[in-house]
Structures are given as C-alpha cells and as structure tokens.
Amino acid sequence: MNILRKKAWSPYWVGAAIGVLETAAMLTAKKPLGITSAFEDTAAIMAEKLLPKAMDVEEYTRKRGDAPKIDWEVGLVGGVLAGSLLSARLSGESKPPAVQKIWREEVGPSRALRFAAAFAGGALMMFGARMAKGCTSGHGISGTMQFAASSWLFDPIIFASGAAVSRALFKVKK
C-alpha cells in the first residue's frame, strides 16, 4: 500500500494500468474509454429538460447516431474525481495551492484569474474534443490502442503542441 501514499507514480505503471482498464472497457462495455461524451450527454439531457423547444433531440440524435444517455461514462467521471481526491488524501497533498508557484511567478497571484483561465481552458478543450469527435484520452489511449491512424497522427501533435504552449506561456528553458 506504500505506492498509494507516493506523491508521484511511475508513468510506466500508470500507463499499464490504464491499458488494463481500456482492455476491460472494450471487452465488457464494447466501447473505448472516454470522458467528454458524458459531459455532452449530460448537457444535452439538461438542455432538453430546461429548454425543450430549443433542444431538438431528434436532430441531435440523427447527427450523432444515438440519443443522449447517462451511462457508465458518467461513473467514469465520478471515479476520476473520487480517485483524484483519494490519491491526494493518501499522499498528504489534500490542500494544493489555488495558485501554483509557476503560475504565480509568470502570471500573478490572482485566484480569480487562475480559476477563470482554468475554466476557459477547460471550455476550449471540451469544444475541441467535441469538434474532433474525441478527447485526448479517447484518441491518445483508446484510438492508439485500436491502431487508428488518426490517433497515431494526433499523439505526437498534441505532445508537441503542449510542449510549445508550455514553453511560450511559462518561458521554460532547456
């Protein structure tokens, strides 16, 4: 159980564990791992309930191929949140700073700005994931595992883009 108390885990072991989880998902649910669909389905269901005249579920279903539903992917979102909380508690990192050191040094100490940037970044990622019909985990993990050419093309691009943005934003030196 000492591994659960570590602040950082081996990326090789974590990668292997995600591979096992992906294999289990494909064998049991007949569907690859992914998180953004859960958010899309939840938003579509809420829109249908709150604004039924504005939300055309039949057209949405026709475009997507199936009706929005709450299923195991929502449980996956909950599991990611619960697992993150548990990991933080076990490692003693239960209260991370609201504004991390590198952000404070490069951008400033404002919590409101940090939270606004995090929200905007998350919204842009969700928009991009829906435009691409899959998120980074969907392409990077599930697509690569299935030998999808688009995912094998996507992976190096996303890593290179992330490195370039990090270098530009945080002025990281070699």
Foldseek 3Di string as FASTA:
>chain_A
DVQLQAPDHDPVVVLVVVLVVQVVCCVPVVDGQAQLLQVVLVVLVVCCVPPVVVRDQVVVCVVVVHGRDHDCSVVVVVVVVVSVCSSCVSNVNNDPDLQDPLCCVQPRDDSVVSVVVVVVVVVVQSVVQVVVVGHLCCLQPVVVVVVPPVSVVVVVVVVVVVVVVCCVRRVDDD
